[in-house]
């Protein structure tokens, strides 16, 4: 299922085999099983996941309590700022969206929802989550990146620069990205803490550069986001202090 994402919602058998790193025969068996179980559909050439796949994640979301705890305060934050708010967890090299409250104004070229994945190092939430990793694990992940694709002219493609940005996120307790993932997209993220102060997720606000300046992001959006994250952390039995 990881072969499908927001940028590749419909794929051929060959596409899935290549992206999943498995044989065409194995991909065929898996895809037809997903179709039979109602988790995917096909027109005979292209395969697409169906909304039923979200059921697979609901038990996880309810088990962590993140969705139930985050949703009400995220809605309040969106109503207050008129900007979208999301929560994500780290899964391998990606972040996975586990809660999201969008606004009517679209700020990205792709549609994000529960289960959407993005490269951790290219997102504010990802950098906050990477900053919480032990040093040796972080170094290994950064070393494994190799070359970093430039999504925009502002994307940090140098691994040492990424390491410094993540270290800064660890020191400051938040990460800000200015048009590194997409032109016009700005975001700020802070950690969500669970029991014992462990970072269990990240919360962010996404804005458009035409509406929100960097000064406004730091001076108005960030304090409100921190309040929301603290409320979610308390609901999760965590503490930021």
C-alpha atoms as a PDB file:
ATOM      1  CA  UNK A   1       0.000   0.000   0.000  1.00  0.00           C
ATOM      2  CA  UNK A   2       2.951   2.336   0.541  1.00  0.00           C
ATOM      3  CA  UNK A   3       3.450   2.420  -3.219  1.00  0.00           C
ATOM      4  CA  UNK A   4       0.390   4.683  -3.357  1.00  0.00           C
ATOM      5  CA  UNK A   5       0.635   8.241  -2.095  1.00  0.00           C
ATOM      6  CA  UNK A   6      -0.745  11.704  -2.760  1.00  0.00           C
ATOM      7  CA  UNK A   7       1.484  12.134  -5.812  1.00  0.00           C
ATOM      8  CA  UNK A   8       0.803   8.628  -7.181  1.00  0.00           C
ATOM      9  CA  UNK A   9      -2.864   7.823  -6.440  1.00  0.00           C
ATOM     10  CA  UNK A  10      -3.349   5.657  -9.559  1.00  0.00           C
ATOM     11  CA  UNK A  11      -0.733   3.202 -10.768  1.00  0.00           C
ATOM     12  CA  UNK A  12      -0.255   0.315 -13.150  1.00  0.00           C
ATOM     13  CA  UNK A  13       0.872  -3.134 -12.049  1.00  0.00           C
ATOM     14  CA  UNK A  14       4.408  -2.328 -13.213  1.00  0.00           C
ATOM     15  CA  UNK A  15       4.396   0.963 -11.310  1.00  0.00           C
ATOM     16  CA  UNK A  16       3.438  -0.758  -8.072  1.00  0.00           C
ATOM     17  CA  UNK A  17       6.024  -3.508  -8.530  1.00  0.00           C
ATOM     18  CA  UNK A  18       8.776  -0.972  -9.168  1.00  0.00           C
ATOM     19  CA  UNK A  19       7.851   1.380  -6.304  1.00  0.00           C
ATOM     20  CA  UNK A  20       7.359  -1.479  -3.835  1.00  0.00           C
ATOM     21  CA  UNK A  21      10.526  -3.267  -4.934  1.00  0.00           C
ATOM     22  CA  UNK A  22       8.772  -6.578  -5.628  1.00  0.00           C
ATOM     23  CA  UNK A  23       8.201  -8.749  -8.689  1.00  0.00           C
ATOM     24  CA  UNK A  24       5.278  -8.203 -11.046  1.00  0.00           C
ATOM     25  CA  UNK A  25       3.873 -11.586 -10.025  1.00  0.00           C
ATOM     26  CA  UNK A  26       3.928 -10.654  -6.347  1.00  0.00           C
ATOM     27  CA  UNK A  27       2.436  -7.238  -7.075  1.00  0.00           C
ATOM     28  CA  UNK A  28      -0.337  -8.864  -9.128  1.00  0.00           C
ATOM     29  CA  UNK A  29      -1.272 -11.211  -6.288  1.00  0.00           C
ATOM     30  CA  UNK A  30      -1.252  -8.445  -3.688  1.00  0.00           C
ATOM     31  CA  UNK A  31      -3.227  -5.992  -5.816  1.00  0.00           C
ATOM     32  CA  UNK A  32      -5.908  -8.513  -6.704  1.00  0.00           C
ATOM     33  CA  UNK A  33      -6.215  -9.445  -3.029  1.00  0.00           C
ATOM     34  CA  UNK A  34      -6.703  -5.759  -2.153  1.00  0.00           C
ATOM     35  CA  UNK A  35      -9.358  -5.469  -4.865  1.00  0.00           C
ATOM     36  CA  UNK A  36     -11.163  -8.580  -3.607  1.00  0.00           C
ATOM     37  CA  UNK A  37     -11.152  -7.243  -0.034  1.00  0.00           C
ATOM     38  CA  UNK A  38     -12.440  -3.857  -1.152  1.00  0.00           C
ATOM     39  CA  UNK A  39      -9.294  -1.913  -0.310  1.00  0.00           C
ATOM     40  CA  UNK A  40      -8.495  -1.107  -3.953  1.00  0.00           C
ATOM     41  CA  UNK A  41     -10.239  -0.745  -7.286  1.00  0.00           C
ATOM     42  CA  UNK A  42      -9.079  -1.172 -10.882  1.00  0.00           C
ATOM     43  CA  UNK A  43     -10.287  -0.310 -14.358  1.00  0.00           C
ATOM     44  CA  UNK A  44      -8.248  -3.175 -15.782  1.00  0.00           C
ATOM     45  CA  UNK A  45      -5.063  -1.146 -16.138  1.00  0.00           C
ATOM     46  CA  UNK A  46      -4.786   1.324 -13.279  1.00  0.00           C
ATOM     47  CA  UNK A  47      -5.136   0.473  -9.599  1.00  0.00           C
ATOM     48  CA  UNK A  48      -6.295   2.935  -6.947  1.00  0.00           C
ATOM     49  CA  UNK A  49      -6.788   2.580  -3.206  1.00  0.00           C
ATOM     50  CA  UNK A  50     -10.340   2.958  -1.906  1.00  0.00           C
ATOM     51  CA  UNK A  51     -11.406   4.874   1.229  1.00  0.00           C
ATOM     52  CA  UNK A  52     -11.849   1.548   3.036  1.00  0.00           C
ATOM     53  CA  UNK A  53      -8.068   1.438   3.606  1.00  0.00           C
ATOM     54  CA  UNK A  54      -8.537   4.113   6.276  1.00  0.00           C
ATOM     55  CA  UNK A  55     -10.202   1.459   8.410  1.00  0.00           C
ATOM     56  CA  UNK A  56      -6.778  -0.165   8.782  1.00  0.00           C
ATOM     57  CA  UNK A  57      -5.454   2.955  10.458  1.00  0.00           C
ATOM     58  CA  UNK A  58      -8.406   3.740  12.679  1.00  0.00           C
ATOM     59  CA  UNK A  59      -7.436   1.150  15.302  1.00  0.00           C
ATOM     60  CA  UNK A  60      -3.969   2.704  15.494  1.00  0.00           C
ATOM     61  CA  UNK A  61      -5.353   6.212  15.762  1.00  0.00           C
ATOM     62  CA  UNK A  62      -7.810   5.243  18.468  1.00  0.00           C
ATOM     63  CA  UNK A  63      -5.147   3.227  20.232  1.00  0.00           C
ATOM     64  CA  UNK A  64      -2.844   6.230  20.557  1.00  0.00           C
ATOM     65  CA  UNK A  65      -5.753   8.550  21.366  1.00  0.00           C
ATOM     66  CA  UNK A  66      -4.158  11.136  19.091  1.00  0.00           C
ATOM     67  CA  UNK A  67      -7.097  11.776  16.807  1.00  0.00           C
ATOM     68  CA  UNK A  68      -9.686  12.125  19.579  1.00  0.00           C
ATOM     69  CA  UNK A  69      -7.390  14.313  21.644  1.00  0.00           C
ATOM     70  CA  UNK A  70      -6.156  16.488  18.801  1.00  0.00           C
ATOM     71  CA  UNK A  71      -9.280  17.083  16.736  1.00  0.00           C
ATOM     72  CA  UNK A  72     -11.226  19.545  18.970  1.00  0.00           C
ATOM     73  CA  UNK A  73      -8.255  21.783  19.748  1.00  0.00           C
ATOM     74  CA  UNK A  74      -7.031  21.625  16.151  1.00  0.00           C
ATOM     75  CA  UNK A  75     -10.448  22.821  14.986  1.00  0.00           C
ATOM     76  CA  UNK A  76     -10.260  25.703  17.478  1.00  0.00           C
ATOM     77  CA  UNK A  77      -6.819  26.661  16.184  1.00  0.00           C
ATOM     78  CA  UNK A  78      -7.963  26.618  12.545  1.00  0.00           C
ATOM     79  CA  UNK A  79     -10.961  28.785  13.410  1.00  0.00           C
ATOM     80  CA  UNK A  80      -8.651  31.178  15.233  1.00  0.00           C
ATOM     81  CA  UNK A  81      -5.927  31.441  12.590  1.00  0.00           C
ATOM     82  CA  UNK A  82      -7.869  30.582   9.418  1.00  0.00           C
ATOM     83  CA  UNK A  83      -4.980  28.331   8.379  1.00  0.00           C
ATOM     84  CA  UNK A  84      -4.794  24.531   8.103  1.00  0.00           C
ATOM     85  CA  UNK A  85      -3.490  22.371  10.954  1.00  0.00           C
ATOM     86  CA  UNK A  86      -2.110  18.821  10.767  1.00  0.00           C
ATOM     87  CA  UNK A  87      -0.640  16.140  13.009  1.00  0.00           C
ATOM     88  CA  UNK A  88       1.827  13.499  11.869  1.00  0.00           C
ATOM     89  CA  UNK A  89       4.013  10.694  13.164  1.00  0.00           C
ATOM     90  CA  UNK A  90       7.351   9.399  11.908  1.00  0.00           C
ATOM     91  CA  UNK A  91       7.264   6.154   9.917  1.00  0.00           C
ATOM     92  CA  UNK A  92      10.587   5.184   8.421  1.00  0.00           C
ATOM     93  CA  UNK A  93      11.864   8.039   6.271  1.00  0.00           C
ATOM     94  CA  UNK A  94       8.413   9.604   5.970  1.00  0.00           C
ATOM     95  CA  UNK A  95       5.881  11.413   8.067  1.00  0.00           C
ATOM     96  CA  UNK A  96       2.351  10.023   8.014  1.00  0.00           C
ATOM     97  CA  UNK A  97      -0.618  12.319   8.561  1.00  0.00           C
ATOM     98  CA  UNK A  98      -2.790  11.052  11.426  1.00  0.00           C
ATOM     99  CA  UNK A  99      -5.018  14.110  11.869  1.00  0.00           C
ATOM    100  CA  UNK A 100      -5.772  17.101   9.694  1.00  0.00           C
ATOM    101  CA  UNK A 101      -8.128  20.085   9.757  1.00  0.00           C
ATOM    102  CA  UNK A 102      -7.913  21.916   6.416  1.00  0.00           C
ATOM    103  CA  UNK A 103      -9.231  25.305   5.388  1.00  0.00           C
ATOM    104  CA  UNK A 104     -11.168  26.104   2.243  1.00  0.00           C
ATOM    105  CA  UNK A 105      -8.135  27.844   0.767  1.00  0.00           C
ATOM    106  CA  UNK A 106      -5.822  25.301  -0.845  1.00  0.00           C
ATOM    107  CA  UNK A 107      -2.123  25.854  -0.169  1.00  0.00           C
ATOM    108  CA  UNK A 108      -0.551  22.793  -1.840  1.00  0.00           C
ATOM    109  CA  UNK A 109      -0.730  21.284  -5.307  1.00  0.00           C
ATOM    110  CA  UNK A 110      -1.429  17.837  -3.808  1.00  0.00           C
ATOM    111  CA  UNK A 111      -4.323  16.859  -1.575  1.00  0.00           C
ATOM    112  CA  UNK A 112      -3.352  15.726   1.913  1.00  0.00           C
ATOM    113  CA  UNK A 113      -5.464  13.574   4.202  1.00  0.00           C
ATOM    114  CA  UNK A 114      -5.216  10.832   6.795  1.00  0.00           C
ATOM    115  CA  UNK A 115      -2.498   8.416   5.776  1.00  0.00           C
ATOM    116  CA  UNK A 116      -0.753  10.816   3.371  1.00  0.00           C
ATOM    117  CA  UNK A 117       3.025  10.509   3.409  1.00  0.00           C
ATOM    118  CA  UNK A 118       5.787  13.040   2.756  1.00  0.00           C
ATOM    119  CA  UNK A 119       9.579  12.805   3.133  1.00  0.00           C
ATOM    120  CA  UNK A 120      10.387  13.727   6.735  1.00  0.00           C
ATOM    121  CA  UNK A 121      13.419  15.880   5.928  1.00  0.00           C
ATOM    122  CA  UNK A 122      11.357  18.083   3.587  1.00  0.00           C
ATOM    123  CA  UNK A 123       8.673  19.007   6.135  1.00  0.00           C
ATOM    124  CA  UNK A 124       8.513  21.046   9.321  1.00  0.00           C
ATOM    125  CA  UNK A 125       6.819  18.190  11.197  1.00  0.00           C
ATOM    126  CA  UNK A 126       9.439  15.769   9.929  1.00  0.00           C
ATOM    127  CA  UNK A 127      12.300  17.905  11.172  1.00  0.00           C
ATOM    128  CA  UNK A 128      10.699  18.208  14.604  1.00  0.00           C
ATOM    129  CA  UNK A 129      10.302  14.423  14.749  1.00  0.00           C
ATOM    130  CA  UNK A 130      13.828  13.788  13.448  1.00  0.00           C
ATOM    131  CA  UNK A 131      15.153  16.180  16.085  1.00  0.00           C
ATOM    132  CA  UNK A 132      13.752  13.871  18.777  1.00  0.00           C
ATOM    133  CA  UNK A 133      15.758  10.861  17.567  1.00  0.00           C
ATOM    134  CA  UNK A 134      18.956   9.700  19.273  1.00  0.00           C
ATOM    135  CA  UNK A 135      22.016  11.242  17.647  1.00  0.00           C
ATOM    136  CA  UNK A 136      23.357   7.995  16.209  1.00  0.00           C
ATOM    137  CA  UNK A 137      20.027   7.117  14.618  1.00  0.00           C
ATOM    138  CA  UNK A 138      19.665  10.577  13.120  1.00  0.00           C
ATOM    139  CA  UNK A 139      23.190  10.434  11.695  1.00  0.00           C
ATOM    140  CA  UNK A 140      22.455   7.053  10.113  1.00  0.00           C
ATOM    141  CA  UNK A 141      19.234   8.339   8.541  1.00  0.00           C
ATOM    142  CA  UNK A 142      20.912  11.434   7.138  1.00  0.00           C
ATOM    143  CA  UNK A 143      23.806   9.379   5.783  1.00  0.00           C
ATOM    144  CA  UNK A 144      21.336   7.073   4.035  1.00  0.00           C
ATOM    145  CA  UNK A 145      19.673   9.994   2.262  1.00  0.00           C
ATOM    146  CA  UNK A 146      22.518  10.364  -0.214  1.00  0.00           C
ATOM    147  CA  UNK A 147      21.510  13.168  -2.570  1.00  0.00           C
ATOM    148  CA  UNK A 148      18.472  15.253  -1.660  1.00  0.00           C
ATOM    149  CA  UNK A 149      16.093  16.243  -4.439  1.00  0.00           C
ATOM    150  CA  UNK A 150      15.516  19.979  -4.756  1.00  0.00           C
ATOM    151  CA  UNK A 151      11.757  20.526  -4.758  1.00  0.00           C
ATOM    152  CA  UNK A 152      12.200  24.309  -4.996  1.00  0.00           C
ATOM    153  CA  UNK A 153      15.122  26.723  -5.206  1.00  0.00           C
ATOM    154  CA  UNK A 154      14.906  27.001  -1.397  1.00  0.00           C
ATOM    155  CA  UNK A 155      15.131  23.277  -0.607  1.00  0.00           C
ATOM    156  CA  UNK A 156      18.007  22.314   1.660  1.00  0.00           C
ATOM    157  CA  UNK A 157      19.871  19.722  -0.396  1.00  0.00           C
ATOM    158  CA  UNK A 158      23.094  19.646   1.597  1.00  0.00           C
ATOM    159  CA  UNK A 159      23.038  16.982   4.315  1.00  0.00           C
ATOM    160  CA  UNK A 160      25.146  19.084   6.678  1.00  0.00           C
ATOM    161  CA  UNK A 161      22.709  21.977   6.253  1.00  0.00           C
ATOM    162  CA  UNK A 162      19.842  19.593   7.031  1.00  0.00           C
ATOM    163  CA  UNK A 163      21.646  18.404  10.143  1.00  0.00           C
ATOM    164  CA  UNK A 164      22.045  22.004  11.306  1.00  0.00           C
ATOM    165  CA  UNK A 165      18.371  22.740  10.616  1.00  0.00           C
ATOM    166  CA  UNK A 166      17.304  19.694  12.632  1.00  0.00           C
ATOM    167  CA  UNK A 167      19.663  20.653  15.458  1.00  0.00           C
ATOM    168  CA  UNK A 168      18.130  24.126  15.442  1.00  0.00           C
ATOM    169  CA  UNK A 169      14.653  22.582  15.674  1.00  0.00           C
ATOM    170  CA  UNK A 170      15.815  20.544  18.687  1.00  0.00           C
ATOM    171  CA  UNK A 171      17.224  23.636  20.408  1.00  0.00           C
ATOM    172  CA  UNK A 172      14.296  25.948  19.657  1.00  0.00           C
ATOM    173  CA  UNK A 173      11.530  23.410  20.113  1.00  0.00           C
ATOM    174  CA  UNK A 174      10.020  24.134  16.714  1.00  0.00           C
ATOM    175  CA  UNK A 175      10.819  24.019  12.999  1.00  0.00           C
ATOM    176  CA  UNK A 176       9.926  26.537  10.317  1.00  0.00           C
ATOM    177  CA  UNK A 177      10.103  25.817   6.587  1.00  0.00           C
ATOM    178  CA  UNK A 178       9.895  28.596   4.040  1.00  0.00           C
ATOM    179  CA  UNK A 179       8.937  27.295   0.590  1.00  0.00           C
ATOM    180  CA  UNK A 180      11.256  24.271   0.641  1.00  0.00           C
ATOM    181  CA  UNK A 181       8.618  21.685  -0.236  1.00  0.00           C
ATOM    182  CA  UNK A 182       6.531  23.800  -2.608  1.00  0.00           C
ATOM    183  CA  UNK A 183       6.753  27.398  -3.815  1.00  0.00           C
ATOM    184  CA  UNK A 184       4.547  29.587  -1.642  1.00  0.00           C
ATOM    185  CA  UNK A 185       4.167  27.040   1.168  1.00  0.00           C
ATOM    186  CA  UNK A 186       5.306  28.049   4.629  1.00  0.00           C
ATOM    187  CA  UNK A 187       4.835  25.935   7.727  1.00  0.00           C
ATOM    188  CA  UNK A 188       5.748  25.803  11.377  1.00  0.00           C
ATOM    189  CA  UNK A 189       5.718  22.669  13.537  1.00  0.00           C
ATOM    190  CA  UNK A 190       6.097  21.796  17.206  1.00  0.00           C
ATOM    191  CA  UNK A 191       6.287  18.446  19.027  1.00  0.00           C
ATOM    192  CA  UNK A 192       3.468  16.638  20.811  1.00  0.00           C
ATOM    193  CA  UNK A 193       4.634  14.877  23.977  1.00  0.00           C
ATOM    194  CA  UNK A 194       3.368  11.671  25.506  1.00  0.00           C
ATOM    195  CA  UNK A 195       3.990  10.132  28.927  1.00  0.00           C
ATOM    196  CA  UNK A 196       7.491  10.782  30.207  1.00  0.00           C
ATOM    197  CA  UNK A 197       7.927  13.706  27.846  1.00  0.00           C
ATOM    198  CA  UNK A 198       8.577  11.451  24.848  1.00  0.00           C
ATOM    199  CA  UNK A 199       7.881  13.075  21.479  1.00  0.00           C
ATOM    200  CA  UNK A 200       5.081  10.992  19.954  1.00  0.00           C
ATOM    201  CA  UNK A 201       3.933  13.244  17.106  1.00  0.00           C
ATOM    202  CA  UNK A 202       4.239  16.688  15.606  1.00  0.00           C
ATOM    203  CA  UNK A 203       1.652  19.387  14.997  1.00  0.00           C
ATOM    204  CA  UNK A 204       1.927  22.057  12.322  1.00  0.00           C
ATOM    205  CA  UNK A 205       0.208  24.982  10.702  1.00  0.00           C
ATOM    206  CA  UNK A 206       0.553  25.416   6.952  1.00  0.00           C
ATOM    207  CA  UNK A 207       0.202  28.831   5.343  1.00  0.00           C
ATOM    208  CA  UNK A 208       0.781  30.562   2.046  1.00  0.00           C
ATOM    209  CA  UNK A 209       3.587  33.078   1.711  1.00  0.00           C
ATOM    210  CA  UNK A 210       1.232  35.580   0.087  1.00  0.00           C
ATOM    211  CA  UNK A 211      -0.886  35.700   3.259  1.00  0.00           C
ATOM    212  CA  UNK A 212       1.527  35.169   6.133  1.00  0.00           C
ATOM    213  CA  UNK A 213       4.958  36.744   6.501  1.00  0.00           C
ATOM    214  CA  UNK A 214       7.782  35.004   8.323  1.00  0.00           C
ATOM    215  CA  UNK A 215       7.448  37.551  11.114  1.00  0.00           C
ATOM    216  CA  UNK A 216       3.752  36.783  11.439  1.00  0.00           C
ATOM    217  CA  UNK A 217       4.457  33.057  11.386  1.00  0.00           C
ATOM    218  CA  UNK A 218       6.840  33.432  14.325  1.00  0.00           C
ATOM    219  CA  UNK A 219       4.993  36.125  16.241  1.00  0.00           C
ATOM    220  CA  UNK A 220       1.343  35.115  15.834  1.00  0.00           C
ATOM    221  CA  UNK A 221       1.058  31.574  14.502  1.00  0.00           C
ATOM    222  CA  UNK A 222       3.808  29.852  16.505  1.00  0.00           C
ATOM    223  CA  UNK A 223       2.563  30.893  19.985  1.00  0.00           C
ATOM    224  CA  UNK A 224      -0.968  29.732  19.135  1.00  0.00           C
ATOM    225  CA  UNK A 225       0.359  26.449  17.760  1.00  0.00           C
ATOM    226  CA  UNK A 226       2.407  25.857  20.917  1.00  0.00           C
ATOM    227  CA  UNK A 227      -0.700  26.329  23.060  1.00  0.00           C
ATOM    228  CA  UNK A 228      -2.569  23.794  20.954  1.00  0.00           C
ATOM    229  CA  UNK A 229       0.276  21.260  21.106  1.00  0.00           C
ATOM    230  CA  UNK A 230       0.466  21.638  24.867  1.00  0.00           C
ATOM    231  CA  UNK A 231      -3.273  20.963  25.125  1.00  0.00           C
ATOM    232  CA  UNK A 232      -2.932  17.840  22.972  1.00  0.00           C
ATOM    233  CA  UNK A 233       0.091  16.702  24.993  1.00  0.00           C
ATOM    234  CA  UNK A 234      -1.842  17.066  28.249  1.00  0.00           C
ATOM    235  CA  UNK A 235      -4.741  15.094  26.792  1.00  0.00           C
ATOM    236  CA  UNK A 236      -2.271  12.368  25.828  1.00  0.00           C
ATOM    237  CA  UNK A 237      -0.904  12.210  29.348  1.00  0.00           C
ATOM    238  CA  UNK A 238       2.272  13.971  28.364  1.00  0.00           C
ATOM    239  CA  UNK A 239       4.163  17.003  29.553  1.00  0.00           C
ATOM    240  CA  UNK A 240       6.316  19.581  27.793  1.00  0.00           C
ATOM    241  CA  UNK A 241       8.012  20.719  30.968  1.00  0.00           C
END
